[in-house]
Amino acid sequence: MRTLKAVSLASVLVLLLCASALGAPRVSVVTLRRTLGDLRISVQYPRVETGGDPKVLLRMNRAFKEEAVRVLRQMEALAREAGDRGDPKLYRCERRVRVTFRRGNLFSFTAEQFVSLPNMAHPDSGLVGRTYDASTGEAVTLDRLFLPQWKQLVQDRVGRMAMDRIGSGKLEINQDQDIPSAEEYKDSFYLSRDRLVIYWERYRFTPGYVGVVTFEIPLRELRHLAREAAVRFH
């Protein structure tokens, strides 16, 4: 029985890696646009077309759109405050969404935001990654996807990559900052094809000029920790 259970748990990530996207949630990207003078503002958000109960999808899509409208209004307010100084072609206000993963009931996307305006000393940018279960409408955490041992494995992999980059001069962390633990960035992730992508937000652990830092871990390294109840395939 133990052997069968172990095989079952391990097979979940094998399916995650190898299953086709057939039957997976279909997710499109919607763009909201505003124009202030010659400045164009655009904000994208995901819209889940299939993959769950229509009521669940409606609730998710409404939340995604409401968030996008809030972001659009914030960008409009920033642009109005900046005024019409300078060439508008040199400035941008946008959020781009990219769907990075669709398997089983799961989908992941990233939202990259970039704001550059005349009254700003330097552009502001950032990235957010999210993963959802289209059948329930719930955000998916790493604790739901994997057994608790994921933290040590991910922490070891990320720590090793970070130290290698620091040693080669490709990465710098904040003064008096140790390499963060997995607990500190456990919500900063998304799935991308056959990889788990961990990211450090700008300024959080590194100086602002470093930008967003990403670390990719092959999902095959985590397949023995998969929670069968969290990753469903039919």
C-alpha atoms as a PDB file:
ATOM      1  CA  MET A   1       0.000   0.000   0.000  1.00  0.00           C
ATOM      2  CA  ARG A   2       2.843   2.410   0.875  1.00  0.00           C
ATOM      3  CA  THR A   3       4.510   1.697  -2.440  1.00  0.00           C
ATOM      4  CA  LEU A   4       1.297   2.397  -4.338  1.00  0.00           C
ATOM      5  CA  LYS A   5       0.794   5.665  -2.461  1.00  0.00           C
ATOM      6  CA  ALA A   6       4.369   6.768  -3.167  1.00  0.00           C
ATOM      7  CA  VAL A   7       3.964   5.973  -6.839  1.00  0.00           C
ATOM      8  CA  SER A   8       0.681   7.894  -6.905  1.00  0.00           C
ATOM      9  CA  LEU A   9       2.242  10.992  -5.343  1.00  0.00           C
ATOM     10  CA  ALA A  10       5.223  10.877  -7.663  1.00  0.00           C
ATOM     11  CA  SER A  11       3.048  10.367 -10.710  1.00  0.00           C
ATOM     12  CA  VAL A  12       1.167  13.635 -10.139  1.00  0.00           C
ATOM     13  CA  LEU A  13       4.119  15.799 -11.143  1.00  0.00           C
ATOM     14  CA  VAL A  14       4.947  13.436 -13.999  1.00  0.00           C
ATOM     15  CA  LEU A  15       1.464  14.176 -15.334  1.00  0.00           C
ATOM     16  CA  LEU A  16       2.036  17.845 -14.612  1.00  0.00           C
ATOM     17  CA  LEU A  17       5.159  17.718 -16.751  1.00  0.00           C
ATOM     18  CA  CYS A  18       3.924  15.524 -19.557  1.00  0.00           C
ATOM     19  CA  ALA A  19       0.165  15.977 -19.893  1.00  0.00           C
ATOM     20  CA  SER A  20      -0.987  18.076 -22.818  1.00  0.00           C
ATOM     21  CA  ALA A  21      -2.934  21.268 -22.325  1.00  0.00           C
ATOM     22  CA  LEU A  22      -6.030  19.568 -23.770  1.00  0.00           C
ATOM     23  CA  GLY A  23      -8.874  20.141 -21.331  1.00  0.00           C
ATOM     24  CA  ALA A  24      -6.847  22.660 -19.322  1.00  0.00           C
ATOM     25  CA  PRO A  25      -8.355  26.053 -18.491  1.00  0.00           C
ATOM     26  CA  ARG A  26      -8.485  28.365 -21.486  1.00  0.00           C
ATOM     27  CA  VAL A  27      -7.272  31.801 -20.423  1.00  0.00           C
ATOM     28  CA  SER A  28      -7.264  34.928 -22.571  1.00  0.00           C
ATOM     29  CA  VAL A  29      -5.791  38.357 -21.875  1.00  0.00           C
ATOM     30  CA  VAL A  30      -7.948  41.505 -21.877  1.00  0.00           C
ATOM     31  CA  THR A  31      -6.534  45.020 -22.249  1.00  0.00           C
ATOM     32  CA  LEU A  32      -8.035  48.169 -20.737  1.00  0.00           C
ATOM     33  CA  ARG A  33      -6.868  51.417 -22.352  1.00  0.00           C
ATOM     34  CA  ARG A  34      -7.038  55.087 -21.473  1.00  0.00           C
ATOM     35  CA  THR A  35      -5.564  58.142 -23.176  1.00  0.00           C
ATOM     36  CA  LEU A  36      -4.554  61.330 -21.379  1.00  0.00           C
ATOM     37  CA  GLY A  37      -3.511  63.828 -24.024  1.00  0.00           C
ATOM     38  CA  ASP A  38      -0.866  61.941 -25.964  1.00  0.00           C
ATOM     39  CA  LEU A  39      -0.059  59.522 -23.139  1.00  0.00           C
ATOM     40  CA  ARG A  40      -1.486  56.032 -23.573  1.00  0.00           C
ATOM     41  CA  ILE A  41      -2.180  53.889 -20.518  1.00  0.00           C
ATOM     42  CA  SER A  42      -2.828  50.155 -20.815  1.00  0.00           C
ATOM     43  CA  VAL A  43      -3.585  47.552 -18.164  1.00  0.00           C
ATOM     44  CA  GLN A  44      -4.082  43.879 -18.907  1.00  0.00           C
ATOM     45  CA  TYR A  45      -5.800  41.173 -16.883  1.00  0.00           C
ATOM     46  CA  PRO A  46      -6.532  37.453 -17.428  1.00  0.00           C
ATOM     47  CA  ARG A  47      -9.989  36.156 -18.278  1.00  0.00           C
ATOM     48  CA  VAL A  48     -10.709  32.472 -17.723  1.00  0.00           C
ATOM     49  CA  GLU A  49     -12.911  31.199 -20.532  1.00  0.00           C
ATOM     50  CA  THR A  50     -13.228  27.507 -19.605  1.00  0.00           C
ATOM     51  CA  GLY A  51     -12.104  25.048 -16.953  1.00  0.00           C
ATOM     52  CA  GLY A  52     -14.630  25.344 -14.141  1.00  0.00           C
ATOM     53  CA  ASP A  53     -18.176  26.047 -13.050  1.00  0.00           C
ATOM     54  CA  PRO A  54     -19.505  29.172 -14.828  1.00  0.00           C
ATOM     55  CA  LYS A  55     -20.287  30.807 -11.480  1.00  0.00           C
ATOM     56  CA  VAL A  56     -16.730  30.203 -10.285  1.00  0.00           C
ATOM     57  CA  LEU A  57     -15.282  31.606 -13.498  1.00  0.00           C
ATOM     58  CA  LEU A  58     -17.561  34.648 -13.289  1.00  0.00           C
ATOM     59  CA  ARG A  59     -16.398  35.350  -9.738  1.00  0.00           C
ATOM     60  CA  MET A  60     -12.726  35.012 -10.699  1.00  0.00           C
ATOM     61  CA  ASN A  61     -13.050  37.141 -13.800  1.00  0.00           C
ATOM     62  CA  ARG A  62     -14.933  39.847 -11.935  1.00  0.00           C
ATOM     63  CA  ALA A  63     -12.145  40.003  -9.329  1.00  0.00           C
ATOM     64  CA  PHE A  64      -9.439  40.134 -12.010  1.00  0.00           C
ATOM     65  CA  LYS A  65     -11.226  42.954 -13.823  1.00  0.00           C
ATOM     66  CA  GLU A  66     -11.907  44.951 -10.659  1.00  0.00           C
ATOM     67  CA  GLU A  67      -8.226  44.776  -9.746  1.00  0.00           C
ATOM     68  CA  ALA A  68      -7.238  45.901 -13.254  1.00  0.00           C
ATOM     69  CA  VAL A  69      -9.630  48.863 -13.072  1.00  0.00           C
ATOM     70  CA  ARG A  70      -8.073  49.905  -9.729  1.00  0.00           C
ATOM     71  CA  VAL A  71      -4.586  49.741 -11.256  1.00  0.00           C
ATOM     72  CA  LEU A  72      -5.753  51.743 -14.286  1.00  0.00           C
ATOM     73  CA  ARG A  73      -7.218  54.452 -12.047  1.00  0.00           C
ATOM     74  CA  GLN A  74      -4.008  54.600 -10.005  1.00  0.00           C
ATOM     75  CA  MET A  75      -1.969  55.049 -13.179  1.00  0.00           C
ATOM     76  CA  GLU A  76      -4.358  57.754 -14.398  1.00  0.00           C
ATOM     77  CA  ALA A  77      -3.974  59.607 -11.102  1.00  0.00           C
ATOM     78  CA  LEU A  78      -0.173  59.412 -11.330  1.00  0.00           C
ATOM     79  CA  ALA A  79      -0.231  60.641 -14.926  1.00  0.00           C
ATOM     80  CA  ARG A  80      -2.518  63.583 -14.098  1.00  0.00           C
ATOM     81  CA  GLU A  81      -0.262  64.547 -11.211  1.00  0.00           C
ATOM     82  CA  ALA A  82       2.785  64.432 -13.520  1.00  0.00           C
ATOM     83  CA  GLY A  83       1.174  66.844 -15.979  1.00  0.00           C
ATOM     84  CA  ASP A  84       2.064  67.362 -19.629  1.00  0.00           C
ATOM     85  CA  ARG A  85       5.761  68.062 -19.246  1.00  0.00           C
ATOM     86  CA  GLY A  86       8.118  66.462 -21.729  1.00  0.00           C
ATOM     87  CA  ASP A  87       7.560  64.270 -24.752  1.00  0.00           C
ATOM     88  CA  PRO A  88       4.762  61.735 -23.985  1.00  0.00           C
ATOM     89  CA  LYS A  89       6.425  59.247 -26.326  1.00  0.00           C
ATOM     90  CA  LEU A  90       9.214  58.906 -23.789  1.00  0.00           C
ATOM     91  CA  TYR A  91       6.858  57.842 -20.984  1.00  0.00           C
ATOM     92  CA  ARG A  92       4.839  54.716 -20.319  1.00  0.00           C
ATOM     93  CA  CYS A  93       2.136  53.445 -17.985  1.00  0.00           C
ATOM     94  CA  GLU A  94       1.343  49.801 -18.552  1.00  0.00           C
ATOM     95  CA  ARG A  95       0.743  46.396 -17.012  1.00  0.00           C
ATOM     96  CA  ARG A  96       1.295  43.351 -19.187  1.00  0.00           C
ATOM     97  CA  VAL A  97      -0.112  39.929 -18.381  1.00  0.00           C
ATOM     98  CA  ARG A  98       1.355  36.688 -19.678  1.00  0.00           C
ATOM     99  CA  VAL A  99      -0.227  33.264 -19.143  1.00  0.00           C
ATOM    100  CA  THR A 100       2.677  30.966 -18.274  1.00  0.00           C
ATOM    101  CA  PHE A 101       1.049  27.626 -17.411  1.00  0.00           C
ATOM    102  CA  ARG A 102      -2.150  25.648 -18.126  1.00  0.00           C
ATOM    103  CA  ARG A 103      -2.364  22.041 -16.971  1.00  0.00           C
ATOM    104  CA  GLY A 104      -5.146  20.068 -15.291  1.00  0.00           C
ATOM    105  CA  ASN A 105      -7.226  22.588 -13.364  1.00  0.00           C
ATOM    106  CA  LEU A 106      -4.293  24.930 -12.817  1.00  0.00           C
ATOM    107  CA  PHE A 107      -3.172  28.073 -14.555  1.00  0.00           C
ATOM    108  CA  SER A 108      -0.450  30.597 -13.782  1.00  0.00           C
ATOM    109  CA  PHE A 109       0.136  34.099 -15.046  1.00  0.00           C
ATOM    110  CA  THR A 110       2.511  36.986 -14.490  1.00  0.00           C
ATOM    111  CA  ALA A 111       1.641  40.680 -14.367  1.00  0.00           C
ATOM    112  CA  GLU A 112       4.546  43.020 -15.137  1.00  0.00           C
ATOM    113  CA  GLN A 113       3.996  46.691 -14.392  1.00  0.00           C
ATOM    114  CA  PHE A 114       6.036  49.610 -15.707  1.00  0.00           C
ATOM    115  CA  VAL A 115       5.460  53.290 -14.981  1.00  0.00           C
ATOM    116  CA  SER A 116       7.663  56.094 -16.295  1.00  0.00           C
ATOM    117  CA  LEU A 117       6.473  59.720 -15.957  1.00  0.00           C
ATOM    118  CA  PRO A 118       8.068  63.202 -16.117  1.00  0.00           C
ATOM    119  CA  ASN A 119       8.009  63.789 -12.354  1.00  0.00           C
ATOM    120  CA  MET A 120       9.646  60.449 -11.496  1.00  0.00           C
ATOM    121  CA  ALA A 121      13.370  60.239 -10.755  1.00  0.00           C
ATOM    122  CA  HIS A 122      13.436  56.784 -12.318  1.00  0.00           C
ATOM    123  CA  PRO A 123      10.888  54.315 -13.739  1.00  0.00           C
ATOM    124  CA  ASP A 124       8.950  52.086 -11.357  1.00  0.00           C
ATOM    125  CA  SER A 125       8.573  48.439 -12.323  1.00  0.00           C
ATOM    126  CA  GLY A 126       7.507  45.218 -10.699  1.00  0.00           C
ATOM    127  CA  LEU A 127       6.255  41.690 -11.247  1.00  0.00           C
ATOM    128  CA  VAL A 128       3.551  39.595  -9.618  1.00  0.00           C
ATOM    129  CA  GLY A 129       3.049  35.894 -10.286  1.00  0.00           C
ATOM    130  CA  ARG A 130      -0.132  34.011  -9.412  1.00  0.00           C
ATOM    131  CA  THR A 131      -1.438  30.471  -9.699  1.00  0.00           C
ATOM    132  CA  TYR A 132      -5.113  29.470  -9.520  1.00  0.00           C
ATOM    133  CA  ASP A 133      -7.316  26.397  -9.547  1.00  0.00           C
ATOM    134  CA  ALA A 134      -9.992  27.116 -12.148  1.00  0.00           C
ATOM    135  CA  SER A 135     -12.330  24.487 -10.685  1.00  0.00           C
ATOM    136  CA  THR A 136     -12.562  26.296  -7.326  1.00  0.00           C
ATOM    137  CA  GLY A 137     -11.439  29.832  -8.138  1.00  0.00           C
ATOM    138  CA  GLU A 138      -8.917  29.658  -5.310  1.00  0.00           C
ATOM    139  CA  ALA A 139      -5.323  30.858  -5.392  1.00  0.00           C
ATOM    140  CA  VAL A 140      -2.918  27.945  -5.134  1.00  0.00           C
ATOM    141  CA  THR A 141      -0.030  28.008  -2.661  1.00  0.00           C
ATOM    142  CA  LEU A 142       3.149  25.969  -2.617  1.00  0.00           C
ATOM    143  CA  ASP A 143       1.935  24.360   0.611  1.00  0.00           C
ATOM    144  CA  ARG A 144      -1.073  23.091  -1.291  1.00  0.00           C
ATOM    145  CA  LEU A 145       0.959  21.811  -4.225  1.00  0.00           C
ATOM    146  CA  PHE A 146       3.705  20.098  -2.266  1.00  0.00           C
ATOM    147  CA  LEU A 147       4.484  18.303   0.984  1.00  0.00           C
ATOM    148  CA  PRO A 148       6.159  20.430   3.693  1.00  0.00           C
ATOM    149  CA  GLN A 149       9.653  19.312   2.635  1.00  0.00           C
ATOM    150  CA  TRP A 150       9.370  21.628  -0.392  1.00  0.00           C
ATOM    151  CA  LYS A 151      10.637  24.517   1.738  1.00  0.00           C
ATOM    152  CA  GLN A 152      14.019  22.951   2.427  1.00  0.00           C
ATOM    153  CA  LEU A 153      14.477  21.785  -1.154  1.00  0.00           C
ATOM    154  CA  VAL A 154      13.546  25.157  -2.658  1.00  0.00           C
ATOM    155  CA  GLN A 155      15.574  27.054  -0.066  1.00  0.00           C
ATOM    156  CA  ASP A 156      18.641  24.946  -0.863  1.00  0.00           C
ATOM    157  CA  ARG A 157      18.254  25.386  -4.643  1.00  0.00           C
ATOM    158  CA  VAL A 158      17.539  29.131  -4.488  1.00  0.00           C
ATOM    159  CA  GLY A 159      20.294  29.709  -1.931  1.00  0.00           C
ATOM    160  CA  ARG A 160      22.843  27.914  -4.101  1.00  0.00           C
ATOM    161  CA  MET A 161      21.852  29.880  -7.228  1.00  0.00           C
ATOM    162  CA  ALA A 162      21.894  33.174  -5.301  1.00  0.00           C
ATOM    163  CA  MET A 163      25.365  32.508  -3.884  1.00  0.00           C
ATOM    164  CA  ASP A 164      26.700  31.587  -7.321  1.00  0.00           C
ATOM    165  CA  ARG A 165      25.360  34.861  -8.763  1.00  0.00           C
ATOM    166  CA  ILE A 166      26.730  36.899  -5.875  1.00  0.00           C
ATOM    167  CA  GLY A 167      30.110  35.248  -6.296  1.00  0.00           C
ATOM    168  CA  SER A 168      30.188  36.062 -10.016  1.00  0.00           C
ATOM    169  CA  GLY A 169      29.045  39.656  -9.466  1.00  0.00           C
ATOM    170  CA  LYS A 170      25.647  39.120 -11.099  1.00  0.00           C
ATOM    171  CA  LEU A 171      23.599  39.651  -7.934  1.00  0.00           C
ATOM    172  CA  GLU A 172      23.769  41.888  -4.880  1.00  0.00           C
ATOM    173  CA  ILE A 173      21.578  41.680  -1.800  1.00  0.00           C
ATOM    174  CA  ASN A 174      20.727  44.473   0.614  1.00  0.00           C
ATOM    175  CA  GLN A 175      23.272  45.476   3.208  1.00  0.00           C
ATOM    176  CA  ASP A 176      23.038  43.338   6.374  1.00  0.00           C
ATOM    177  CA  GLN A 177      20.642  41.020   4.493  1.00  0.00           C
ATOM    178  CA  ASP A 178      21.198  37.267   4.658  1.00  0.00           C
ATOM    179  CA  ILE A 179      20.036  34.960   1.905  1.00  0.00           C
ATOM    180  CA  PRO A 180      16.270  34.856   2.643  1.00  0.00           C
ATOM    181  CA  SER A 181      14.551  31.669   3.708  1.00  0.00           C
ATOM    182  CA  ALA A 182      11.827  29.995   1.650  1.00  0.00           C
ATOM    183  CA  GLU A 183       9.300  31.128   4.243  1.00  0.00           C
ATOM    184  CA  GLU A 184      10.055  34.744   3.303  1.00  0.00           C
ATOM    185  CA  TYR A 185       9.246  34.307  -0.409  1.00  0.00           C
ATOM    186  CA  LYS A 186       6.804  31.396  -0.309  1.00  0.00           C
ATOM    187  CA  ASP A 187       4.042  33.448  -1.975  1.00  0.00           C
ATOM    188  CA  SER A 188       6.310  34.807  -4.719  1.00  0.00           C
ATOM    189  CA  PHE A 189       6.138  32.098  -7.361  1.00  0.00           C
ATOM    190  CA  TYR A 190       4.482  30.946 -10.554  1.00  0.00           C
ATOM    191  CA  LEU A 191       4.533  27.855 -12.745  1.00  0.00           C
ATOM    192  CA  SER A 192       6.043  27.990 -16.217  1.00  0.00           C
ATOM    193  CA  ARG A 193       5.903  24.909 -18.451  1.00  0.00           C
ATOM    194  CA  ASP A 194       8.066  22.367 -16.615  1.00  0.00           C
ATOM    195  CA  ARG A 195       9.479  24.725 -14.000  1.00  0.00           C
ATOM    196  CA  LEU A 196       8.680  26.369 -10.707  1.00  0.00           C
ATOM    197  CA  VAL A 197       9.768  30.011 -10.842  1.00  0.00           C
ATOM    198  CA  ILE A 198      10.598  31.760  -7.570  1.00  0.00           C
ATOM    199  CA  TYR A 199      10.993  35.533  -7.726  1.00  0.00           C
ATOM    200  CA  TRP A 200      12.227  38.223  -5.382  1.00  0.00           C
ATOM    201  CA  GLU A 201      10.317  41.481  -5.707  1.00  0.00           C
ATOM    202  CA  ARG A 202      12.274  44.624  -6.454  1.00  0.00           C
ATOM    203  CA  TYR A 203      13.705  46.253  -3.295  1.00  0.00           C
ATOM    204  CA  ARG A 204      12.624  43.421  -0.992  1.00  0.00           C
ATOM    205  CA  PHE A 205      15.939  41.594  -0.685  1.00  0.00           C
ATOM    206  CA  THR A 206      18.080  43.468  -3.215  1.00  0.00           C
ATOM    207  CA  PRO A 207      18.856  47.082  -4.192  1.00  0.00           C
ATOM    208  CA  GLY A 208      16.319  48.654  -6.541  1.00  0.00           C
ATOM    209  CA  TYR A 209      18.661  48.709  -9.539  1.00  0.00           C
ATOM    210  CA  VAL A 210      18.840  44.901  -9.481  1.00  0.00           C
ATOM    211  CA  GLY A 211      15.161  44.698 -10.433  1.00  0.00           C
ATOM    212  CA  VAL A 212      13.096  41.530 -10.063  1.00  0.00           C
ATOM    213  CA  VAL A 213      15.225  38.424  -9.507  1.00  0.00           C
ATOM    214  CA  THR A 214      13.994  35.008 -10.664  1.00  0.00           C
ATOM    215  CA  PHE A 215      15.125  31.470  -9.896  1.00  0.00           C
ATOM    216  CA  GLU A 216      13.911  28.484 -11.936  1.00  0.00           C
ATOM    217  CA  ILE A 217      13.667  24.985 -10.464  1.00  0.00           C
ATOM    218  CA  PRO A 218      12.721  22.014 -12.700  1.00  0.00           C
ATOM    219  CA  LEU A 219       9.459  20.488 -11.487  1.00  0.00           C
ATOM    220  CA  ARG A 220      10.966  17.019 -11.823  1.00  0.00           C
ATOM    221  CA  GLU A 221      13.066  17.837  -8.754  1.00  0.00           C
ATOM    222  CA  LEU A 222       9.840  18.301  -6.759  1.00  0.00           C
ATOM    223  CA  ARG A 223       7.726  15.472  -8.142  1.00  0.00           C
ATOM    224  CA  HIS A 224       8.380  13.215  -5.129  1.00  0.00           C
ATOM    225  CA  LEU A 225       6.813  15.923  -2.926  1.00  0.00           C
ATOM    226  CA  ALA A 226       3.625  16.468  -4.949  1.00  0.00           C
ATOM    227  CA  ARG A 227       0.319  16.481  -3.094  1.00  0.00           C
ATOM    228  CA  GLU A 228      -2.140  14.442  -5.135  1.00  0.00           C
ATOM    229  CA  ALA A 229      -5.110  16.304  -3.671  1.00  0.00           C
ATOM    230  CA  ALA A 230      -3.737  19.614  -4.896  1.00  0.00           C
ATOM    231  CA  VAL A 231      -2.977  18.768  -8.527  1.00  0.00           C
ATOM    232  CA  ARG A 232      -5.942  17.061 -10.193  1.00  0.00           C
ATOM    233  CA  PHE A 233      -5.997  15.478 -13.632  1.00  0.00           C
ATOM    234  CA  HIS A 234      -8.944  13.695 -15.207  1.00  0.00           C
END
